[in-house]
């Protein structure tokens, strides 16, 4: 990208001086002095340096915005509210696995649904921002692969249920129903695969305090 800008920028500034030269007759061209060429080349150099500074400034500003956005996301995921929500769905998932809770209760119970909605919404938005290149996917997965992987595992049956419910509500099978929360799902599956390659467990375990 920078090479292209420099190349076309150079042509632009060079054109500012070459075009007038070729517009003159032979006698006028012969009058072109060495000093004129020096000034022209100097101006071109200044123009190229200006382009370089502009590109670098834009790059630094973009990087700064990227860092600020990721820090805001980290604060959100590390907040007491979000950690409590994750713990709530983990506990519900384990209770279903142990036979202490039915899936229907998980699908309908108010507080659990609130926890689930917060988590689904957050990870769907994060996945959309990653898709739009607001910050790197690798950076997010490096820090939060465990959280999103386990959140998906805990919520997968609920999300599948919601997709089917959406079909029933509109009385037709739609591609949009299949795509409901698909960005969250795709990012979560990448996290699961990453953790499996690294030999890390995706198993949700019952703990007094959840670290992720």
N, C-alpha and C. Protein backbone atom coordinates (compact mmCIF):
# COMPACT_ATOMS: atom_id res chain seq x y z
N UNK A 1 0.84 -1.20 0.00
CA UNK A 1 0.00 0.00 0.00
C UNK A 1 0.88 1.25 0.00
N UNK A 2 1.87 1.29 0.91
CA UNK A 2 2.74 2.46 1.01
C UNK A 2 3.55 2.62 -0.27
N UNK A 3 4.03 1.49 -0.85
CA UNK A 3 4.82 1.57 -2.07
C UNK A 3 4.01 2.17 -3.20
N UNK A 4 2.74 1.81 -3.29
CA UNK A 4 1.87 2.34 -4.33
C UNK A 4 1.67 3.84 -4.17
N UNK A 5 1.46 4.25 -2.91
CA UNK A 5 1.27 5.69 -2.65
C UNK A 5 2.51 6.48 -3.01
N UNK A 6 3.68 5.94 -2.63
CA UNK A 6 4.94 6.62 -2.94
C UNK A 6 5.17 6.70 -4.44
N UNK A 7 4.87 5.61 -5.14
CA UNK A 7 5.08 5.57 -6.58
C UNK A 7 4.23 6.60 -7.30
N UNK A 8 2.93 6.59 -7.01
CA UNK A 8 2.03 7.52 -7.69
C UNK A 8 2.25 8.95 -7.21
N UNK A 9 2.64 9.08 -5.95
CA UNK A 9 2.96 10.42 -5.45
C UNK A 9 4.15 11.00 -6.17
N UNK A 10 5.15 10.15 -6.40
CA UNK A 10 6.35 10.60 -7.12
C UNK A 10 6.00 11.03 -8.54
N UNK A 11 5.16 10.21 -9.21
CA UNK A 11 4.74 10.56 -10.56
C UNK A 11 4.00 11.89 -10.59
N UNK A 12 3.18 12.11 -9.55
CA UNK A 12 2.41 13.35 -9.49
C UNK A 12 3.33 14.57 -9.40
N UNK A 13 4.27 14.51 -8.44
CA UNK A 13 5.15 15.66 -8.25
C UNK A 13 6.11 15.82 -9.43
N UNK A 14 6.54 14.71 -10.01
CA UNK A 14 7.41 14.79 -11.17
C UNK A 14 6.65 15.40 -12.34
N UNK A 15 5.37 15.02 -12.46
CA UNK A 15 4.55 15.56 -13.54
C UNK A 15 4.36 17.06 -13.45
N UNK A 16 4.38 17.59 -12.23
CA UNK A 16 4.22 19.04 -12.06
C UNK A 16 5.32 19.81 -12.77
N UNK A 17 6.49 19.17 -12.90
CA UNK A 17 7.63 19.87 -13.49
C UNK A 17 7.94 19.39 -14.91
N UNK A 18 7.68 18.14 -15.19
CA UNK A 18 7.99 17.63 -16.51
C UNK A 18 6.99 18.12 -17.55
N UNK A 19 5.69 18.13 -17.18
CA UNK A 19 4.66 18.53 -18.14
C UNK A 19 4.89 19.93 -18.71
N UNK A 20 5.20 20.94 -17.88
CA UNK A 20 5.46 22.27 -18.44
C UNK A 20 6.65 22.27 -19.38
N UNK A 21 7.65 21.41 -19.09
CA UNK A 21 8.84 21.37 -19.91
C UNK A 21 8.50 20.91 -21.32
N UNK A 22 7.74 19.82 -21.42
CA UNK A 22 7.41 19.28 -22.73
C UNK A 22 6.38 20.12 -23.46
N UNK A 23 5.78 21.03 -22.73
CA UNK A 23 4.82 21.94 -23.37
C UNK A 23 5.52 23.08 -24.09
N UNK A 24 6.85 23.26 -23.88
CA UNK A 24 7.61 24.35 -24.47
C UNK A 24 8.21 23.91 -25.81
N UNK A 25 8.67 24.91 -26.61
CA UNK A 25 9.36 24.57 -27.85
C UNK A 25 10.82 24.26 -27.55
N UNK A 26 11.57 23.87 -28.56
CA UNK A 26 12.95 23.40 -28.38
C UNK A 26 13.85 24.46 -27.77
N UNK A 27 13.67 25.71 -28.16
CA UNK A 27 14.54 26.76 -27.65
C UNK A 27 14.31 26.98 -26.17
N UNK A 28 13.04 26.85 -25.76
CA UNK A 28 12.73 27.05 -24.35
C UNK A 28 13.26 25.89 -23.52
N UNK A 29 13.20 24.66 -24.09
CA UNK A 29 13.71 23.50 -23.38
C UNK A 29 15.21 23.65 -23.13
N UNK A 30 15.92 24.20 -24.12
CA UNK A 30 17.36 24.36 -23.98
C UNK A 30 17.71 25.37 -22.89
N UNK A 31 16.74 26.24 -22.60
CA UNK A 31 16.98 27.25 -21.57
C UNK A 31 16.80 26.70 -20.16
N UNK A 32 16.34 25.46 -20.07
CA UNK A 32 16.13 24.86 -18.75
C UNK A 32 17.48 24.68 -18.08
N UNK A 33 17.67 25.31 -16.96
CA UNK A 33 18.96 25.30 -16.29
C UNK A 33 19.08 24.16 -15.30
N UNK A 34 20.30 23.90 -14.93
CA UNK A 34 20.58 22.86 -13.92
C UNK A 34 19.91 23.22 -12.60
N UNK A 35 19.88 24.50 -12.28
CA UNK A 35 19.28 24.94 -11.02
C UNK A 35 17.79 24.63 -10.99
N UNK A 36 17.13 24.75 -12.16
CA UNK A 36 15.70 24.46 -12.22
C UNK A 36 15.43 23.00 -11.91
N UNK A 37 16.29 22.12 -12.47
CA UNK A 37 16.13 20.69 -12.21
C UNK A 37 16.38 20.37 -10.74
N UNK A 38 17.34 21.04 -10.15
CA UNK A 38 17.63 20.82 -8.73
C UNK A 38 16.42 21.20 -7.89
N UNK A 39 15.82 22.34 -8.21
CA UNK A 39 14.63 22.79 -7.47
C UNK A 39 13.49 21.79 -7.66
N UNK A 40 13.35 21.33 -8.92
CA UNK A 40 12.27 20.38 -9.20
C UNK A 40 12.45 19.10 -8.40
N UNK A 41 13.66 18.55 -8.43
CA UNK A 41 13.93 17.30 -7.70
C UNK A 41 13.78 17.50 -6.20
N UNK A 42 14.19 18.67 -5.74
CA UNK A 42 14.05 18.97 -4.31
C UNK A 42 12.59 19.01 -3.90
N UNK A 43 11.78 19.61 -4.73
CA UNK A 43 10.34 19.68 -4.44
C UNK A 43 9.71 18.30 -4.46
N UNK A 44 10.14 17.47 -5.42
CA UNK A 44 9.64 16.10 -5.48
C UNK A 44 10.00 15.35 -4.21
N UNK A 45 11.24 15.53 -3.75
CA UNK A 45 11.69 14.86 -2.53
C UNK A 45 10.85 15.28 -1.32
N UNK A 46 10.58 16.59 -1.24
CA UNK A 46 9.74 17.08 -0.14
C UNK A 46 8.35 16.47 -0.22
N UNK A 47 7.83 16.35 -1.44
CA UNK A 47 6.51 15.76 -1.61
C UNK A 47 6.48 14.31 -1.18
N UNK A 48 7.53 13.56 -1.54
CA UNK A 48 7.60 12.14 -1.16
C UNK A 48 7.68 12.00 0.35
N UNK A 49 8.52 12.83 0.98
CA UNK A 49 8.64 12.80 2.44
C UNK A 49 7.30 13.11 3.09
N UNK A 50 6.56 14.07 2.54
CA UNK A 50 5.25 14.44 3.08
C UNK A 50 4.28 13.26 3.00
N UNK A 51 4.33 12.55 1.86
CA UNK A 51 3.46 11.39 1.71
C UNK A 51 3.81 10.32 2.73
N UNK A 52 5.11 10.08 2.90
CA UNK A 52 5.56 9.07 3.89
C UNK A 52 5.06 9.43 5.28
N UNK A 53 5.21 10.70 5.65
CA UNK A 53 4.78 11.15 6.98
C UNK A 53 3.27 11.00 7.14
N UNK A 54 2.52 11.30 6.06
CA UNK A 54 1.07 11.18 6.11
C UNK A 54 0.64 9.73 6.31
N UNK A 55 1.28 8.82 5.55
CA UNK A 55 0.94 7.40 5.65
C UNK A 55 1.28 6.88 7.03
N UNK A 56 2.46 7.24 7.54
CA UNK A 56 2.87 6.78 8.87
C UNK A 56 1.96 7.33 9.96
N UNK A 57 1.57 8.60 9.81
CA UNK A 57 0.68 9.21 10.79
C UNK A 57 -0.67 8.50 10.81
N UNK A 58 -1.16 8.18 9.61
CA UNK A 58 -2.44 7.47 9.53
C UNK A 58 -2.33 6.08 10.15
N UNK A 59 -1.20 5.42 9.89
CA UNK A 59 -0.98 4.08 10.45
C UNK A 59 -0.93 4.10 11.96
N UNK A 60 -0.22 5.09 12.52
CA UNK A 60 -0.12 5.20 13.98
C UNK A 60 -1.47 5.50 14.61
N UNK A 61 -2.24 6.37 13.95
CA UNK A 61 -3.57 6.72 14.47
C UNK A 61 -4.48 5.50 14.45
N UNK A 62 -4.43 4.72 13.35
CA UNK A 62 -5.25 3.51 13.25
C UNK A 62 -4.87 2.50 14.33
N UNK A 63 -3.56 2.37 14.56
CA UNK A 63 -3.09 1.44 15.58
C UNK A 63 -3.54 1.88 16.95
N UNK A 64 -3.49 3.18 17.20
CA UNK A 64 -3.92 3.72 18.49
C UNK A 64 -5.40 3.45 18.71
N UNK A 65 -6.21 3.65 17.68
CA UNK A 65 -7.65 3.38 17.78
C UNK A 65 -7.92 1.90 18.01
N UNK A 66 -7.13 1.06 17.36
CA UNK A 66 -7.26 -0.40 17.52
C UNK A 66 -6.99 -0.81 18.95
N UNK A 67 -5.92 -0.24 19.53
CA UNK A 67 -5.56 -0.56 20.92
C UNK A 67 -6.64 -0.10 21.88
N UNK A 68 -7.15 1.11 21.69
CA UNK A 68 -8.20 1.64 22.57
C UNK A 68 -9.45 0.79 22.51
N UNK A 69 -9.83 0.37 21.30
CA UNK A 69 -11.02 -0.45 21.14
C UNK A 69 -10.85 -1.78 21.85
N UNK A 70 -9.68 -2.40 21.68
CA UNK A 70 -9.45 -3.70 22.31
C UNK A 70 -9.42 -3.59 23.83
N UNK A 71 -8.87 -2.49 24.35
CA UNK A 71 -8.85 -2.28 25.80
C UNK A 71 -10.28 -2.14 26.34
N UNK A 72 -11.13 -1.44 25.59
CA UNK A 72 -12.54 -1.31 26.01
C UNK A 72 -13.25 -2.66 26.03
N UNK A 73 -12.95 -3.48 25.02
CA UNK A 73 -13.55 -4.81 24.96
C UNK A 73 -13.05 -5.66 26.12
N UNK A 74 -11.77 -5.56 26.41
CA UNK A 74 -11.19 -6.31 27.53
C UNK A 74 -11.83 -5.92 28.86
N UNK A 75 -12.03 -4.62 29.05
CA UNK A 75 -12.67 -4.16 30.28
C UNK A 75 -14.09 -4.72 30.39
N UNK A 76 -14.78 -4.78 29.27
CA UNK A 76 -16.14 -5.32 29.25
C UNK A 76 -16.14 -6.80 29.62
N UNK A 77 -15.28 -7.59 28.97
CA UNK A 77 -15.23 -9.02 29.22
C UNK A 77 -14.73 -9.35 30.63
N UNK A 78 -13.90 -8.48 31.16
CA UNK A 78 -13.34 -8.71 32.50
C UNK A 78 -14.19 -8.10 33.61
N UNK A 79 -15.28 -7.46 33.24
CA UNK A 79 -16.14 -6.81 34.24
C UNK A 79 -16.85 -7.85 35.11
N UNK A 80 -17.26 -7.41 36.28
CA UNK A 80 -17.99 -8.30 37.19
C UNK A 80 -19.27 -8.80 36.55
N UNK A 81 -19.97 -7.93 35.82
CA UNK A 81 -21.23 -8.30 35.18
C UNK A 81 -21.03 -9.44 34.19
N UNK A 82 -20.02 -9.32 33.36
CA UNK A 82 -19.80 -10.33 32.33
C UNK A 82 -19.28 -11.63 32.94
N UNK A 83 -18.42 -11.53 33.93
CA UNK A 83 -17.91 -12.74 34.58
C UNK A 83 -19.04 -13.48 35.31
N UNK A 84 -19.93 -12.70 35.92
CA UNK A 84 -21.07 -13.31 36.61
C UNK A 84 -22.00 -14.01 35.60
N UNK A 85 -22.17 -13.37 34.45
CA UNK A 85 -23.02 -13.97 33.41
C UNK A 85 -22.42 -15.27 32.90
N UNK A 86 -21.12 -15.28 32.67
CA UNK A 86 -20.47 -16.51 32.20
C UNK A 86 -20.57 -17.61 33.26
N UNK A 87 -20.36 -17.23 34.50
CA UNK A 87 -20.47 -18.23 35.55
C UNK A 87 -21.89 -18.80 35.60
N UNK A 88 -22.88 -17.93 35.41
CA UNK A 88 -24.27 -18.38 35.44
C UNK A 88 -24.58 -19.42 34.37
N UNK A 89 -24.11 -19.18 33.13
CA UNK A 89 -24.41 -20.14 32.06
C UNK A 89 -23.56 -21.40 32.20
N UNK A 90 -22.36 -21.28 32.76
CA UNK A 90 -21.54 -22.48 33.00
C UNK A 90 -22.23 -23.38 34.02
N UNK A 91 -22.72 -22.77 35.09
CA UNK A 91 -23.39 -23.54 36.14
C UNK A 91 -24.66 -24.20 35.60
N UNK A 92 -25.41 -23.47 34.79
CA UNK A 92 -26.63 -24.02 34.21
C UNK A 92 -26.29 -25.19 33.29
N UNK A 93 -25.27 -25.05 32.49
CA UNK A 93 -24.83 -26.11 31.59
C UNK A 93 -24.45 -27.37 32.37
N UNK A 94 -23.69 -27.19 33.46
CA UNK A 94 -23.28 -28.33 34.28
C UNK A 94 -24.49 -28.98 34.96
N UNK A 95 -25.44 -28.16 35.41
CA UNK A 95 -26.64 -28.71 36.04
C UNK A 95 -27.47 -29.53 35.05
N UNK A 96 -27.50 -29.10 33.80
CA UNK A 96 -28.20 -29.87 32.78
C UNK A 96 -27.46 -31.18 32.52
N UNK A 97 -26.14 -31.10 32.44
CA UNK A 97 -25.34 -32.30 32.21
C UNK A 97 -25.51 -33.31 33.35
N UNK A 98 -25.65 -32.79 34.57
CA UNK A 98 -25.80 -33.67 35.74
C UNK A 98 -27.24 -34.12 35.96
N UNK A 99 -28.17 -33.60 35.17
CA UNK A 99 -29.56 -33.97 35.33
C UNK A 99 -30.30 -33.21 36.41
N UNK A 100 -29.71 -32.12 36.92
CA UNK A 100 -30.34 -31.33 37.97
C UNK A 100 -31.21 -30.20 37.41
N UNK A 101 -31.17 -30.01 36.13
CA UNK A 101 -31.97 -28.94 35.51
C UNK A 101 -32.37 -29.39 34.11
N UNK A 102 -33.56 -29.05 33.71
CA UNK A 102 -33.99 -29.37 32.35
C UNK A 102 -33.56 -28.26 31.40
N UNK A 103 -33.41 -28.61 30.14
CA UNK A 103 -33.04 -27.61 29.14
C UNK A 103 -34.12 -26.55 29.01
N UNK A 104 -35.36 -26.93 29.19
CA UNK A 104 -36.45 -25.97 29.06
C UNK A 104 -36.34 -24.85 30.09
N UNK A 105 -35.91 -25.21 31.30
CA UNK A 105 -35.72 -24.17 32.33
C UNK A 105 -34.64 -23.22 31.89
N UNK A 106 -33.55 -23.78 31.35
CA UNK A 106 -32.44 -22.95 30.87
C UNK A 106 -32.92 -22.03 29.75
N UNK A 107 -33.77 -22.55 28.88
CA UNK A 107 -34.25 -21.78 27.74
C UNK A 107 -35.22 -20.67 28.15
N UNK A 108 -35.87 -20.83 29.30
CA UNK A 108 -36.96 -19.92 29.65
C UNK A 108 -36.72 -19.10 30.92
N UNK A 109 -35.87 -19.55 31.80
CA UNK A 109 -35.68 -18.89 33.10
C UNK A 109 -35.10 -17.48 32.90
N UNK A 110 -35.72 -16.52 33.54
CA UNK A 110 -35.40 -15.11 33.31
C UNK A 110 -33.96 -14.71 33.50
N UNK A 111 -33.42 -14.98 34.70
CA UNK A 111 -32.05 -14.54 35.00
C UNK A 111 -31.05 -15.21 34.08
N UNK A 112 -31.24 -16.49 33.82
CA UNK A 112 -30.32 -17.20 32.93
C UNK A 112 -30.40 -16.66 31.51
N UNK A 113 -31.60 -16.33 31.07
CA UNK A 113 -31.77 -15.76 29.74
C UNK A 113 -31.06 -14.42 29.63
N UNK A 114 -31.14 -13.63 30.70
CA UNK A 114 -30.44 -12.35 30.71
C UNK A 114 -28.93 -12.55 30.58
N UNK A 115 -28.40 -13.52 31.32
CA UNK A 115 -26.97 -13.84 31.22
C UNK A 115 -26.63 -14.26 29.80
N UNK A 116 -27.46 -15.14 29.25
CA UNK A 116 -27.20 -15.66 27.91
C UNK A 116 -27.25 -14.55 26.86
N UNK A 117 -28.24 -13.66 26.98
CA UNK A 117 -28.38 -12.57 26.02
C UNK A 117 -27.17 -11.65 26.04
N UNK A 118 -26.67 -11.36 27.23
CA UNK A 118 -25.48 -10.51 27.35
C UNK A 118 -24.28 -11.15 26.65
N UNK A 119 -24.08 -12.41 26.90
CA UNK A 119 -22.92 -13.11 26.33
C UNK A 119 -23.05 -13.25 24.82
N UNK A 120 -24.22 -13.66 24.35
CA UNK A 120 -24.43 -13.82 22.91
C UNK A 120 -24.22 -12.50 22.17
N UNK A 121 -24.80 -11.45 22.70
CA UNK A 121 -24.70 -10.14 22.07
C UNK A 121 -23.25 -9.66 22.03
N UNK A 122 -22.54 -9.83 23.14
CA UNK A 122 -21.15 -9.35 23.23
C UNK A 122 -20.26 -10.06 22.22
N UNK A 123 -20.32 -11.39 22.18
CA UNK A 123 -19.44 -12.13 21.29
C UNK A 123 -19.82 -11.97 19.81
N UNK A 124 -21.10 -11.80 19.54
CA UNK A 124 -21.52 -11.54 18.17
C UNK A 124 -20.95 -10.21 17.68
N UNK A 125 -21.00 -9.20 18.52
CA UNK A 125 -20.46 -7.88 18.15
C UNK A 125 -18.94 -7.94 18.00
N UNK A 126 -18.27 -8.64 18.90
CA UNK A 126 -16.82 -8.78 18.80
C UNK A 126 -16.45 -9.47 17.49
N UNK A 127 -17.16 -10.53 17.15
CA UNK A 127 -16.89 -11.26 15.91
C UNK A 127 -17.10 -10.36 14.69
N UNK A 128 -18.12 -9.52 14.74
CA UNK A 128 -18.39 -8.60 13.63
C UNK A 128 -17.27 -7.57 13.50
N UNK A 129 -16.76 -7.06 14.62
CA UNK A 129 -15.67 -6.09 14.58
C UNK A 129 -14.39 -6.72 14.04
N UNK A 130 -14.14 -7.96 14.43
CA UNK A 130 -12.97 -8.67 13.90
C UNK A 130 -13.10 -8.86 12.40
N UNK A 131 -14.31 -9.20 11.95
CA UNK A 131 -14.56 -9.39 10.52
C UNK A 131 -14.31 -8.10 9.75
N UNK A 132 -14.58 -6.96 10.38
CA UNK A 132 -14.38 -5.65 9.74
C UNK A 132 -12.95 -5.13 9.95
N UNK A 133 -12.08 -5.98 10.54
CA UNK A 133 -10.66 -5.64 10.74
C UNK A 133 -10.44 -4.47 11.70
N UNK A 134 -11.32 -4.34 12.69
CA UNK A 134 -11.11 -3.31 13.69
C UNK A 134 -9.97 -3.67 14.64
N UNK A 135 -9.74 -4.95 14.83
CA UNK A 135 -8.56 -5.43 15.56
C UNK A 135 -8.33 -6.88 15.17
N UNK A 136 -7.11 -7.41 15.39
CA UNK A 136 -6.77 -8.74 14.89
C UNK A 136 -7.49 -9.88 15.62
N UNK A 137 -7.91 -10.86 14.85
CA UNK A 137 -8.53 -12.06 15.41
C UNK A 137 -7.57 -12.80 16.33
N UNK A 138 -6.31 -12.91 15.91
CA UNK A 138 -5.31 -13.64 16.70
C UNK A 138 -5.15 -13.04 18.09
N UNK A 139 -5.18 -11.71 18.16
CA UNK A 139 -5.03 -11.04 19.46
C UNK A 139 -6.16 -11.42 20.39
N UNK A 140 -7.39 -11.40 19.88
CA UNK A 140 -8.53 -11.75 20.71
C UNK A 140 -8.46 -13.21 21.17
N UNK A 141 -8.19 -14.11 20.24
CA UNK A 141 -8.16 -15.54 20.57
C UNK A 141 -7.01 -15.87 21.52
N UNK A 142 -5.93 -15.10 21.42
CA UNK A 142 -4.80 -15.32 22.32
C UNK A 142 -5.21 -15.09 23.77
N UNK A 143 -6.08 -14.11 23.98
CA UNK A 143 -6.45 -13.73 25.34
C UNK A 143 -7.77 -14.32 25.81
N UNK A 144 -8.70 -14.55 24.88
CA UNK A 144 -10.05 -14.94 25.30
C UNK A 144 -10.58 -16.19 24.62
N UNK A 145 -9.71 -17.03 24.11
CA UNK A 145 -10.18 -18.26 23.45
C UNK A 145 -10.95 -19.15 24.43
N UNK A 146 -10.49 -19.22 25.67
CA UNK A 146 -11.17 -20.05 26.67
C UNK A 146 -12.56 -19.55 26.97
N UNK A 147 -12.71 -18.25 27.11
CA UNK A 147 -14.00 -17.67 27.45
C UNK A 147 -15.03 -17.90 26.36
N UNK A 148 -14.65 -17.59 25.11
CA UNK A 148 -15.63 -17.71 24.03
C UNK A 148 -15.90 -19.17 23.69
N UNK A 149 -14.89 -20.03 23.79
CA UNK A 149 -15.09 -21.45 23.50
C UNK A 149 -16.07 -22.07 24.50
N UNK A 150 -15.86 -21.82 25.77
CA UNK A 150 -16.73 -22.41 26.79
C UNK A 150 -18.12 -21.77 26.79
N UNK A 151 -18.17 -20.49 26.44
CA UNK A 151 -19.48 -19.83 26.35
C UNK A 151 -20.30 -20.46 25.23
N UNK A 152 -19.65 -20.74 24.10
CA UNK A 152 -20.37 -21.37 22.99
C UNK A 152 -20.84 -22.78 23.38
N UNK A 153 -19.95 -23.54 24.01
CA UNK A 153 -20.31 -24.90 24.42
C UNK A 153 -21.53 -24.86 25.35
N UNK A 154 -21.53 -23.90 26.28
CA UNK A 154 -22.64 -23.80 27.23
C UNK A 154 -23.93 -23.34 26.57
N UNK A 155 -23.81 -22.53 25.51
CA UNK A 155 -25.00 -21.92 24.90
C UNK A 155 -25.44 -22.57 23.59
N UNK A 156 -24.69 -23.53 23.10
CA UNK A 156 -24.96 -24.07 21.76
C UNK A 156 -26.39 -24.60 21.63
N UNK A 157 -26.85 -25.40 22.58
CA UNK A 157 -28.20 -25.96 22.49
C UNK A 157 -29.26 -24.87 22.54
N UNK A 158 -29.02 -23.86 23.35
CA UNK A 158 -29.96 -22.74 23.43
C UNK A 158 -30.04 -22.02 22.09
N UNK A 159 -28.90 -21.79 21.45
CA UNK A 159 -28.87 -21.06 20.18
C UNK A 159 -29.52 -21.89 19.08
N UNK A 160 -29.27 -23.20 19.06
CA UNK A 160 -29.92 -24.08 18.10
C UNK A 160 -31.44 -24.05 18.31
N UNK A 161 -31.87 -24.06 19.57
CA UNK A 161 -33.29 -23.97 19.89
C UNK A 161 -33.88 -22.65 19.38
N UNK A 162 -33.13 -21.56 19.56
CA UNK A 162 -33.62 -20.25 19.13
C UNK A 162 -33.72 -20.18 17.61
N UNK A 163 -32.79 -20.80 16.90
CA UNK A 163 -32.85 -20.82 15.44
C UNK A 163 -34.10 -21.55 14.97
N UNK A 164 -34.40 -22.68 15.60
CA UNK A 164 -35.60 -23.43 15.23
C UNK A 164 -36.86 -22.65 15.59
N UNK A 165 -36.83 -21.97 16.72
CA UNK A 165 -37.99 -21.18 17.17
C UNK A 165 -38.26 -20.04 16.19
N UNK A 166 -37.23 -19.45 15.66
CA UNK A 166 -37.39 -18.37 14.69
C UNK A 166 -38.08 -18.89 13.43
N UNK A 167 -37.74 -20.12 13.02
CA UNK A 167 -38.40 -20.73 11.86
C UNK A 167 -39.88 -20.93 12.13
N UNK A 168 -40.20 -21.39 13.36
CA UNK A 168 -41.61 -21.64 13.70
C UNK A 168 -42.40 -20.33 13.74
N UNK A 169 -41.76 -19.28 14.23
CA UNK A 169 -42.46 -18.00 14.39
C UNK A 169 -42.83 -17.38 13.05
N UNK A 170 -41.98 -17.59 12.04
CA UNK A 170 -42.28 -16.99 10.73
C UNK A 170 -42.81 -18.03 9.75
N UNK A 171 -42.96 -19.26 10.24
CA UNK A 171 -43.58 -20.34 9.45
C UNK A 171 -42.83 -20.65 8.15
N UNK A 172 -41.53 -20.47 8.16
CA UNK A 172 -40.77 -20.86 6.98
C UNK A 172 -39.29 -21.04 7.33
N UNK A 173 -38.65 -21.90 6.55
CA UNK A 173 -37.21 -22.11 6.71
C UNK A 173 -36.51 -20.99 5.95
N UNK A 174 -35.64 -20.31 6.62
CA UNK A 174 -34.95 -19.18 6.01
C UNK A 174 -33.45 -19.26 6.28
N UNK A 175 -32.69 -18.84 5.28
CA UNK A 175 -31.23 -18.79 5.45
C UNK A 175 -30.85 -17.87 6.61
N UNK A 176 -31.67 -16.84 6.83
CA UNK A 176 -31.39 -15.90 7.92
C UNK A 176 -31.46 -16.59 9.28
N UNK A 177 -32.34 -17.56 9.42
CA UNK A 177 -32.43 -18.29 10.68
C UNK A 177 -31.17 -19.12 10.93
N UNK A 178 -30.64 -19.71 9.84
CA UNK A 178 -29.42 -20.48 9.95
C UNK A 178 -28.23 -19.59 10.33
N UNK A 179 -28.30 -18.35 9.89
CA UNK A 179 -27.19 -17.42 10.13
C UNK A 179 -27.31 -16.68 11.46
N UNK A 180 -28.37 -16.93 12.21
CA UNK A 180 -28.56 -16.27 13.49
C UNK A 180 -27.38 -16.59 14.42
N UNK A 181 -26.65 -15.54 14.83
CA UNK A 181 -25.47 -15.66 15.70
C UNK A 181 -24.35 -16.50 15.08
N UNK A 182 -24.30 -16.55 13.75
CA UNK A 182 -23.29 -17.38 13.08
C UNK A 182 -21.88 -16.83 13.27
N UNK A 183 -21.74 -15.53 13.40
CA UNK A 183 -20.41 -14.96 13.57
C UNK A 183 -19.84 -15.36 14.94
N UNK A 184 -20.69 -15.34 15.96
CA UNK A 184 -20.30 -15.83 17.28
C UNK A 184 -19.88 -17.30 17.17
N UNK A 185 -20.69 -18.09 16.48
CA UNK A 185 -20.39 -19.52 16.35
C UNK A 185 -19.06 -19.76 15.63
N UNK A 186 -18.85 -19.06 14.52
CA UNK A 186 -17.62 -19.26 13.75
C UNK A 186 -16.38 -18.90 14.55
N UNK A 187 -16.45 -17.77 15.26
CA UNK A 187 -15.31 -17.34 16.06
C UNK A 187 -15.07 -18.31 17.21
N UNK A 188 -16.15 -18.80 17.82
CA UNK A 188 -16.02 -19.75 18.92
C UNK A 188 -15.40 -21.06 18.44
N UNK A 189 -15.79 -21.52 17.27
CA UNK A 189 -15.24 -22.77 16.75
C UNK A 189 -13.75 -22.62 16.44
N UNK A 190 -13.35 -21.44 15.99
CA UNK A 190 -11.92 -21.18 15.78
C UNK A 190 -11.17 -21.24 17.12
N UNK A 191 -11.80 -20.70 18.16
CA UNK A 191 -11.20 -20.73 19.49
C UNK A 191 -11.06 -22.17 19.99
N UNK A 192 -12.10 -22.97 19.78
CA UNK A 192 -12.07 -24.38 20.20
C UNK A 192 -10.95 -25.12 19.49
N UNK A 193 -10.84 -24.91 18.18
CA UNK A 193 -9.78 -25.58 17.41
C UNK A 193 -8.40 -25.12 17.85
N UNK A 194 -8.26 -23.84 18.11
CA UNK A 194 -6.97 -23.29 18.55
C UNK A 194 -6.55 -23.93 19.88
N UNK A 195 -7.49 -24.04 20.80
CA UNK A 195 -7.17 -24.61 22.10
C UNK A 195 -6.86 -26.11 21.99
N UNK A 196 -7.55 -26.80 21.10
CA UNK A 196 -7.26 -28.22 20.90
C UNK A 196 -5.87 -28.42 20.32
N UNK A 197 -5.47 -27.55 19.38
CA UNK A 197 -4.12 -27.65 18.81
C UNK A 197 -3.05 -27.39 19.86
N UNK A 198 -3.37 -26.53 20.81
CA UNK A 198 -2.41 -26.19 21.88
C UNK A 198 -2.47 -27.16 23.05
N UNK A 199 -3.37 -28.14 22.95
CA UNK A 199 -3.50 -29.12 24.03
C UNK A 199 -4.22 -28.59 25.25
N UNK A 200 -5.04 -27.53 25.07
CA UNK A 200 -5.79 -26.94 26.17
C UNK A 200 -7.20 -27.52 26.21
N UNK A 201 -7.74 -27.64 27.39
CA UNK A 201 -9.07 -28.24 27.55
C UNK A 201 -10.17 -27.21 27.33
N UNK A 202 -11.22 -27.66 26.67
CA UNK A 202 -12.42 -26.84 26.50
C UNK A 202 -13.53 -27.28 27.45
N UNK A 203 -13.21 -28.20 28.33
CA UNK A 203 -14.21 -28.74 29.23
C UNK A 203 -14.61 -27.71 30.28
N UNK A 204 -15.90 -27.61 30.51
CA UNK A 204 -16.41 -26.72 31.56
C UNK A 204 -16.46 -27.51 32.86
N UNK A 205 -15.80 -27.01 33.87
CA UNK A 205 -15.76 -27.71 35.15
C UNK A 205 -16.39 -26.85 36.23
N UNK A 206 -16.88 -27.51 37.26
CA UNK A 206 -17.52 -26.79 38.36
C UNK A 206 -16.44 -26.28 39.31
N UNK A 207 -16.43 -24.98 39.47
CA UNK A 207 -15.42 -24.36 40.34
C UNK A 207 -16.10 -23.33 41.23
N UNK A 208 -15.39 -22.99 42.32
CA UNK A 208 -15.92 -21.98 43.22
C UNK A 208 -15.91 -20.62 42.52
N UNK A 209 -14.82 -20.36 41.81
CA UNK A 209 -14.71 -19.11 41.07
C UNK A 209 -14.20 -19.43 39.68
N UNK A 210 -14.85 -18.87 38.69
CA UNK A 210 -14.43 -19.10 37.33
C UNK A 210 -13.41 -18.05 36.92
N UNK A 211 -12.28 -18.51 36.37
CA UNK A 211 -11.24 -17.58 35.96
C UNK A 211 -11.52 -16.98 34.61
N UNK A 212 -12.36 -17.62 33.80
CA UNK A 212 -12.63 -17.07 32.48
C UNK A 212 -14.12 -17.01 32.19
